[in-house]
Amino acid sequence: MYRSSAKSIEVQRPIPDKLFYKIGEVSRIADIEPYVLRYWETEFPFLKPRKNKSGQRVYVKKDLEFILEIKKLLYQERYTIEGVRKRFGEGSLSNKQIPEPKITETIPPHKIIEHVRQRLREILNSS
């Protein structure tokens, strides 16, 4: 993002059409330092980039869209970290949905079912 010195007008850079982005690329696109991205991963459970064989974070376009939305909420709309968590948790974020956990062979089916049940209970209790 570029900022003009006269006003706080943000110009969003286009997101390159790629399958994967390294943390340095995401940092440049979002104009956020890599340490901030790593911190956000600890604060927002839905922001979990995969790691490649060498241990580098590998983001997908959806991750980048979430990062840009988080940045907007924190820096432009002045939300707190907790406020952003709640905003994403309510699913009211521009009709965007929280990404579903990736189901892999390492997660036993009974754990997946329990997670779904727990999430459904949360939804029913919030109504």
N, C-alpha and C. Protein backbone atom coordinates (compact mmCIF):
# COMPACT_ATOMS: atom_id res chain seq x y z
N MET A 1 0.84 -1.17 0.00
CA MET A 1 0.00 0.00 0.00
C MET A 1 0.88 1.24 0.00
N TYR A 2 0.53 2.19 -0.77
CA TYR A 2 1.25 3.44 -0.81
C TYR A 2 0.45 4.48 -0.06
N ARG A 3 1.12 5.33 0.67
CA ARG A 3 0.45 6.40 1.39
C ARG A 3 1.00 7.72 0.87
N SER A 4 0.08 8.64 0.60
CA SER A 4 0.54 9.96 0.22
C SER A 4 0.85 10.73 1.48
N SER A 5 1.75 11.69 1.41
CA SER A 5 2.14 12.43 2.59
C SER A 5 1.08 13.45 2.99
N ALA A 6 0.30 13.93 2.04
CA ALA A 6 -0.71 14.94 2.34
C ALA A 6 -1.93 14.33 3.01
N LYS A 7 -2.38 13.19 2.52
CA LYS A 7 -3.56 12.54 3.07
C LYS A 7 -3.22 11.08 3.34
N SER A 8 -4.05 10.45 4.10
CA SER A 8 -3.86 9.03 4.40
C SER A 8 -4.66 8.19 3.42
N ILE A 9 -4.44 8.41 2.14
CA ILE A 9 -5.14 7.67 1.11
C ILE A 9 -4.32 6.43 0.77
N GLU A 10 -4.96 5.29 0.80
CA GLU A 10 -4.28 4.04 0.51
C GLU A 10 -4.60 3.58 -0.90
N VAL A 11 -3.58 3.16 -1.61
CA VAL A 11 -3.75 2.61 -2.95
C VAL A 11 -3.32 1.15 -2.88
N GLN A 12 -4.24 0.24 -3.16
CA GLN A 12 -3.93 -1.17 -3.06
C GLN A 12 -3.21 -1.66 -4.30
N ARG A 13 -2.12 -2.36 -4.06
CA ARG A 13 -1.38 -2.97 -5.18
C ARG A 13 -2.17 -4.19 -5.65
N PRO A 14 -2.12 -4.46 -6.94
CA PRO A 14 -2.81 -5.67 -7.43
C PRO A 14 -2.13 -6.92 -6.89
N ILE A 15 -2.92 -7.95 -6.65
CA ILE A 15 -2.39 -9.22 -6.15
C ILE A 15 -1.96 -10.04 -7.36
N PRO A 16 -0.68 -10.40 -7.43
CA PRO A 16 -0.24 -11.23 -8.55
C PRO A 16 -0.98 -12.56 -8.56
N ASP A 17 -1.28 -13.05 -9.74
CA ASP A 17 -2.02 -14.31 -9.86
C ASP A 17 -1.04 -15.47 -9.81
N LYS A 18 -0.83 -16.00 -8.59
CA LYS A 18 0.08 -17.11 -8.37
C LYS A 18 -0.60 -18.13 -7.48
N LEU A 19 -0.07 -19.33 -7.47
CA LEU A 19 -0.60 -20.36 -6.58
C LEU A 19 -0.13 -20.16 -5.15
N PHE A 20 1.14 -19.80 -4.98
CA PHE A 20 1.73 -19.67 -3.66
C PHE A 20 2.54 -18.39 -3.57
N TYR A 21 2.62 -17.86 -2.35
CA TYR A 21 3.40 -16.65 -2.08
C TYR A 21 4.25 -16.90 -0.84
N LYS A 22 5.51 -16.49 -0.89
CA LYS A 22 6.37 -16.57 0.29
C LYS A 22 6.12 -15.36 1.16
N ILE A 23 6.57 -15.43 2.40
CA ILE A 23 6.28 -14.37 3.36
C ILE A 23 6.82 -13.01 2.90
N GLY A 24 7.96 -13.00 2.21
CA GLY A 24 8.51 -11.74 1.70
C GLY A 24 7.61 -11.10 0.66
N GLU A 25 7.04 -11.93 -0.21
CA GLU A 25 6.12 -11.42 -1.23
C GLU A 25 4.85 -10.87 -0.58
N VAL A 26 4.31 -11.60 0.38
CA VAL A 26 3.10 -11.15 1.07
C VAL A 26 3.40 -9.85 1.80
N SER A 27 4.56 -9.77 2.41
CA SER A 27 4.98 -8.56 3.11
C SER A 27 5.00 -7.35 2.18
N ARG A 28 5.56 -7.52 0.99
CA ARG A 28 5.62 -6.42 0.02
C ARG A 28 4.24 -6.05 -0.52
N ILE A 29 3.43 -7.05 -0.83
CA ILE A 29 2.10 -6.79 -1.39
C ILE A 29 1.22 -6.06 -0.37
N ALA A 30 1.25 -6.55 0.87
CA ALA A 30 0.39 -5.98 1.91
C ALA A 30 1.03 -4.78 2.61
N ASP A 31 2.31 -4.53 2.34
CA ASP A 31 3.05 -3.45 2.99
C ASP A 31 3.01 -3.61 4.51
N ILE A 32 3.35 -4.83 4.93
CA ILE A 32 3.40 -5.18 6.35
C ILE A 32 4.70 -5.95 6.58
N GLU A 33 5.37 -5.66 7.66
CA GLU A 33 6.62 -6.36 7.97
C GLU A 33 6.36 -7.85 8.24
N PRO A 34 7.31 -8.71 7.87
CA PRO A 34 7.13 -10.15 8.10
C PRO A 34 6.86 -10.51 9.55
N TYR A 35 7.49 -9.79 10.51
CA TYR A 35 7.26 -10.13 11.91
C TYR A 35 5.81 -9.85 12.32
N VAL A 36 5.16 -8.89 11.67
CA VAL A 36 3.75 -8.60 11.95
C VAL A 36 2.89 -9.75 11.43
N LEU A 37 3.22 -10.25 10.25
CA LEU A 37 2.48 -11.39 9.70
C LEU A 37 2.61 -12.60 10.62
N ARG A 38 3.82 -12.85 11.12
CA ARG A 38 4.02 -13.98 12.03
C ARG A 38 3.24 -13.78 13.32
N TYR A 39 3.19 -12.54 13.82
CA TYR A 39 2.42 -12.24 15.02
C TYR A 39 0.93 -12.48 14.77
N TRP A 40 0.43 -12.02 13.64
CA TRP A 40 -0.99 -12.21 13.32
C TRP A 40 -1.36 -13.69 13.28
N GLU A 41 -0.43 -14.53 12.83
CA GLU A 41 -0.69 -15.97 12.82
C GLU A 41 -0.97 -16.49 14.22
N THR A 42 -0.32 -15.89 15.22
CA THR A 42 -0.55 -16.33 16.60
C THR A 42 -1.87 -15.79 17.15
N GLU A 43 -2.34 -14.68 16.62
CA GLU A 43 -3.55 -14.03 17.12
C GLU A 43 -4.83 -14.45 16.41
N PHE A 44 -4.72 -14.84 15.15
CA PHE A 44 -5.90 -15.18 14.35
C PHE A 44 -5.81 -16.64 13.93
N PRO A 45 -6.62 -17.50 14.54
CA PRO A 45 -6.52 -18.93 14.26
C PRO A 45 -6.82 -19.32 12.81
N PHE A 46 -7.56 -18.48 12.09
CA PHE A 46 -7.89 -18.79 10.71
C PHE A 46 -6.76 -18.45 9.75
N LEU A 47 -5.70 -17.80 10.24
CA LEU A 47 -4.57 -17.43 9.39
C LEU A 47 -3.42 -18.38 9.70
N LYS A 48 -3.39 -19.49 8.99
CA LYS A 48 -2.36 -20.50 9.20
C LYS A 48 -1.79 -20.94 7.86
N PRO A 49 -0.76 -20.24 7.38
CA PRO A 49 -0.16 -20.67 6.10
C PRO A 49 0.56 -22.01 6.28
N ARG A 50 0.58 -22.75 5.22
CA ARG A 50 1.31 -24.01 5.23
C ARG A 50 2.80 -23.71 5.23
N LYS A 51 3.58 -24.74 5.52
CA LYS A 51 5.03 -24.60 5.41
C LYS A 51 5.52 -25.62 4.40
N ASN A 52 6.50 -25.20 3.59
CA ASN A 52 7.04 -26.13 2.60
C ASN A 52 8.08 -27.04 3.25
N LYS A 53 8.72 -27.88 2.47
CA LYS A 53 9.66 -28.85 3.01
C LYS A 53 10.82 -28.20 3.75
N SER A 54 11.20 -27.00 3.32
CA SER A 54 12.31 -26.32 3.99
C SER A 54 11.84 -25.46 5.17
N GLY A 55 10.54 -25.50 5.48
CA GLY A 55 10.02 -24.79 6.64
C GLY A 55 9.57 -23.36 6.38
N GLN A 56 9.63 -22.92 5.13
CA GLN A 56 9.18 -21.56 4.81
C GLN A 56 7.66 -21.51 4.75
N ARG A 57 7.12 -20.39 5.21
CA ARG A 57 5.67 -20.20 5.12
C ARG A 57 5.28 -20.04 3.65
N VAL A 58 4.18 -20.69 3.29
CA VAL A 58 3.67 -20.61 1.93
C VAL A 58 2.20 -20.21 2.01
N TYR A 59 1.92 -18.99 1.57
CA TYR A 59 0.57 -18.45 1.61
C TYR A 59 -0.14 -18.69 0.29
N VAL A 60 -1.46 -18.81 0.35
CA VAL A 60 -2.27 -18.89 -0.86
C VAL A 60 -3.03 -17.56 -0.98
N LYS A 61 -3.67 -17.36 -2.12
CA LYS A 61 -4.36 -16.10 -2.37
C LYS A 61 -5.39 -15.78 -1.29
N LYS A 62 -6.10 -16.79 -0.81
CA LYS A 62 -7.12 -16.59 0.24
C LYS A 62 -6.46 -16.03 1.51
N ASP A 63 -5.28 -16.55 1.87
CA ASP A 63 -4.55 -16.02 3.03
C ASP A 63 -4.23 -14.54 2.83
N LEU A 64 -3.79 -14.21 1.64
CA LEU A 64 -3.43 -12.83 1.32
C LEU A 64 -4.66 -11.92 1.42
N GLU A 65 -5.80 -12.40 0.96
CA GLU A 65 -7.03 -11.61 1.07
C GLU A 65 -7.40 -11.38 2.53
N PHE A 66 -7.24 -12.41 3.37
CA PHE A 66 -7.51 -12.25 4.80
C PHE A 66 -6.55 -11.23 5.41
N ILE A 67 -5.29 -11.30 5.04
CA ILE A 67 -4.29 -10.37 5.58
C ILE A 67 -4.65 -8.94 5.22
N LEU A 68 -5.04 -8.71 3.98
CA LEU A 68 -5.42 -7.36 3.56
C LEU A 68 -6.66 -6.88 4.31
N GLU A 69 -7.59 -7.78 4.57
CA GLU A 69 -8.80 -7.42 5.32
C GLU A 69 -8.45 -7.12 6.78
N ILE A 70 -7.58 -7.93 7.37
CA ILE A 70 -7.15 -7.69 8.76
C ILE A 70 -6.46 -6.33 8.85
N LYS A 71 -5.58 -6.04 7.90
CA LYS A 71 -4.87 -4.77 7.90
C LYS A 71 -5.86 -3.61 7.82
N LYS A 72 -6.84 -3.73 6.95
CA LYS A 72 -7.84 -2.67 6.80
C LYS A 72 -8.59 -2.45 8.12
N LEU A 73 -9.01 -3.55 8.73
CA LEU A 73 -9.76 -3.42 9.98
C LEU A 73 -8.91 -2.82 11.10
N LEU A 74 -7.66 -3.24 11.20
CA LEU A 74 -6.80 -2.75 12.28
C LEU A 74 -6.34 -1.32 12.05
N TYR A 75 -5.89 -1.01 10.85
CA TYR A 75 -5.23 0.28 10.61
C TYR A 75 -6.16 1.37 10.10
N GLN A 76 -7.16 1.01 9.32
CA GLN A 76 -8.07 2.03 8.79
C GLN A 76 -9.31 2.19 9.66
N GLU A 77 -9.92 1.06 10.02
CA GLU A 77 -11.16 1.12 10.80
C GLU A 77 -10.91 1.11 12.30
N ARG A 78 -9.64 0.97 12.70
CA ARG A 78 -9.20 1.10 14.09
C ARG A 78 -9.77 0.03 15.02
N TYR A 79 -9.97 -1.17 14.52
CA TYR A 79 -10.40 -2.28 15.36
C TYR A 79 -9.25 -2.72 16.25
N THR A 80 -9.58 -3.37 17.36
CA THR A 80 -8.57 -4.03 18.18
C THR A 80 -8.39 -5.45 17.64
N ILE A 81 -7.35 -6.12 18.12
CA ILE A 81 -7.13 -7.51 17.73
C ILE A 81 -8.36 -8.34 18.09
N GLU A 82 -8.87 -8.15 19.30
CA GLU A 82 -10.06 -8.88 19.74
C GLU A 82 -11.26 -8.53 18.87
N GLY A 83 -11.38 -7.29 18.48
CA GLY A 83 -12.48 -6.87 17.62
C GLY A 83 -12.43 -7.55 16.26
N VAL A 84 -11.23 -7.68 15.72
CA VAL A 84 -11.08 -8.37 14.43
C VAL A 84 -11.45 -9.84 14.58
N ARG A 85 -10.99 -10.46 15.68
CA ARG A 85 -11.35 -11.87 15.93
C ARG A 85 -12.85 -12.04 15.96
N LYS A 86 -13.53 -11.16 16.68
CA LYS A 86 -14.99 -11.25 16.78
C LYS A 86 -15.65 -11.02 15.43
N ARG A 87 -15.13 -10.06 14.69
CA ARG A 87 -15.71 -9.73 13.37
C ARG A 87 -15.62 -10.93 12.43
N PHE A 88 -14.48 -11.59 12.42
CA PHE A 88 -14.34 -12.78 11.59
C PHE A 88 -15.18 -13.92 12.14
N GLY A 89 -15.28 -14.03 13.45
CA GLY A 89 -16.05 -15.09 14.07
C GLY A 89 -17.53 -14.98 13.78
N GLU A 90 -18.03 -13.75 13.63
CA GLU A 90 -19.44 -13.55 13.35
C GLU A 90 -19.78 -13.81 11.90
N GLY A 91 -18.77 -13.90 11.04
CA GLY A 91 -19.02 -14.16 9.63
C GLY A 91 -19.65 -12.98 8.92
N SER A 92 -19.57 -11.79 9.52
CA SER A 92 -20.22 -10.63 8.92
C SER A 92 -19.26 -9.80 8.07
N LEU A 93 -18.13 -10.36 7.76
CA LEU A 93 -17.08 -9.63 7.07
C LEU A 93 -17.29 -9.65 5.57
N SER A 94 -18.04 -8.71 5.07
CA SER A 94 -18.27 -8.57 3.63
C SER A 94 -18.70 -9.88 2.97
N ASN A 95 -19.52 -10.63 3.65
CA ASN A 95 -20.01 -11.92 3.15
C ASN A 95 -18.89 -12.92 2.88
N LYS A 96 -17.71 -12.69 3.45
CA LYS A 96 -16.62 -13.66 3.32
C LYS A 96 -16.77 -14.68 4.42
N GLN A 97 -16.39 -15.89 4.15
CA GLN A 97 -16.50 -16.94 5.14
C GLN A 97 -15.13 -17.29 5.68
N ILE A 98 -15.13 -17.76 6.91
CA ILE A 98 -13.89 -18.24 7.51
C ILE A 98 -13.54 -19.55 6.83
N PRO A 99 -12.29 -19.72 6.46
CA PRO A 99 -11.94 -20.96 5.78
C PRO A 99 -12.15 -22.16 6.71
N GLU A 100 -12.66 -23.22 6.15
CA GLU A 100 -12.87 -24.44 6.90
C GLU A 100 -11.52 -25.09 7.17
N PRO A 101 -11.40 -25.78 8.32
CA PRO A 101 -10.15 -26.47 8.56
C PRO A 101 -9.90 -27.50 7.47
N LYS A 102 -8.65 -27.62 7.06
CA LYS A 102 -8.31 -28.57 6.02
C LYS A 102 -8.33 -29.98 6.61
N ILE A 103 -9.08 -30.85 5.99
CA ILE A 103 -9.19 -32.22 6.47
C ILE A 103 -8.07 -33.02 5.82
N THR A 104 -7.27 -33.62 6.66
CA THR A 104 -6.18 -34.45 6.16
C THR A 104 -6.29 -35.83 6.79
N GLU A 105 -5.48 -36.73 6.32
CA GLU A 105 -5.51 -38.09 6.83
C GLU A 105 -5.06 -38.16 8.28
N THR A 106 -4.37 -37.14 8.77
CA THR A 106 -3.86 -37.17 10.14
C THR A 106 -4.93 -36.84 11.17
N ILE A 107 -6.08 -36.32 10.75
CA ILE A 107 -7.16 -36.00 11.68
C ILE A 107 -8.15 -37.16 11.67
N PRO A 108 -8.33 -37.79 12.83
CA PRO A 108 -9.29 -38.91 12.87
C PRO A 108 -10.71 -38.41 12.64
N PRO A 109 -11.53 -39.22 11.97
CA PRO A 109 -12.90 -38.79 11.67
C PRO A 109 -13.71 -38.39 12.90
N HIS A 110 -13.52 -39.08 14.03
CA HIS A 110 -14.30 -38.73 15.23
C HIS A 110 -13.94 -37.33 15.74
N LYS A 111 -12.70 -36.89 15.53
CA LYS A 111 -12.30 -35.52 15.91
C LYS A 111 -12.98 -34.49 15.02
N ILE A 112 -13.09 -34.80 13.74
CA ILE A 112 -13.75 -33.89 12.80
C ILE A 112 -15.22 -33.75 13.17
N ILE A 113 -15.86 -34.87 13.48
CA ILE A 113 -17.28 -34.84 13.84
C ILE A 113 -17.47 -34.04 15.14
N GLU A 114 -16.59 -34.24 16.11
CA GLU A 114 -16.70 -33.49 17.37
C GLU A 114 -16.51 -32.00 17.13
N HIS A 115 -15.60 -31.64 16.24
CA HIS A 115 -15.39 -30.22 15.90
C HIS A 115 -16.66 -29.63 15.28
N VAL A 116 -17.27 -30.35 14.38
CA VAL A 116 -18.51 -29.88 13.73
C VAL A 116 -19.61 -29.72 14.76
N ARG A 117 -19.74 -30.70 15.65
CA ARG A 117 -20.77 -30.61 16.71
C ARG A 117 -20.54 -29.40 17.60
N GLN A 118 -19.30 -29.20 17.99
CA GLN A 118 -18.96 -28.06 18.86
C GLN A 118 -19.28 -26.74 18.17
N ARG A 119 -18.93 -26.64 16.90
CA ARG A 119 -19.19 -25.40 16.15
C ARG A 119 -20.69 -25.16 16.01
N LEU A 120 -21.46 -26.24 15.76
CA LEU A 120 -22.92 -26.10 15.67
C LEU A 120 -23.51 -25.64 17.00
N ARG A 121 -22.99 -26.17 18.11
CA ARG A 121 -23.47 -25.72 19.43
C ARG A 121 -23.19 -24.23 19.62
N GLU A 122 -21.99 -23.79 19.22
CA GLU A 122 -21.64 -22.37 19.33
C GLU A 122 -22.60 -21.51 18.53
N ILE A 123 -22.92 -21.96 17.32
CA ILE A 123 -23.82 -21.20 16.46
C ILE A 123 -25.21 -21.13 17.09
N LEU A 124 -25.71 -22.26 17.61
CA LEU A 124 -27.02 -22.27 18.25
C LEU A 124 -27.07 -21.39 19.50
N ASN A 125 -26.01 -21.40 20.28
CA ASN A 125 -25.96 -20.59 21.50
C ASN A 125 -25.82 -19.10 21.23
N SER A 126 -25.29 -18.73 20.09
CA SER A 126 -25.11 -17.31 19.77
C SER A 126 -26.39 -16.68 19.22
N SER A 127 -27.37 -17.50 18.85
CA SER A 127 -28.61 -16.97 18.27
C SER A 127 -29.53 -16.41 19.31
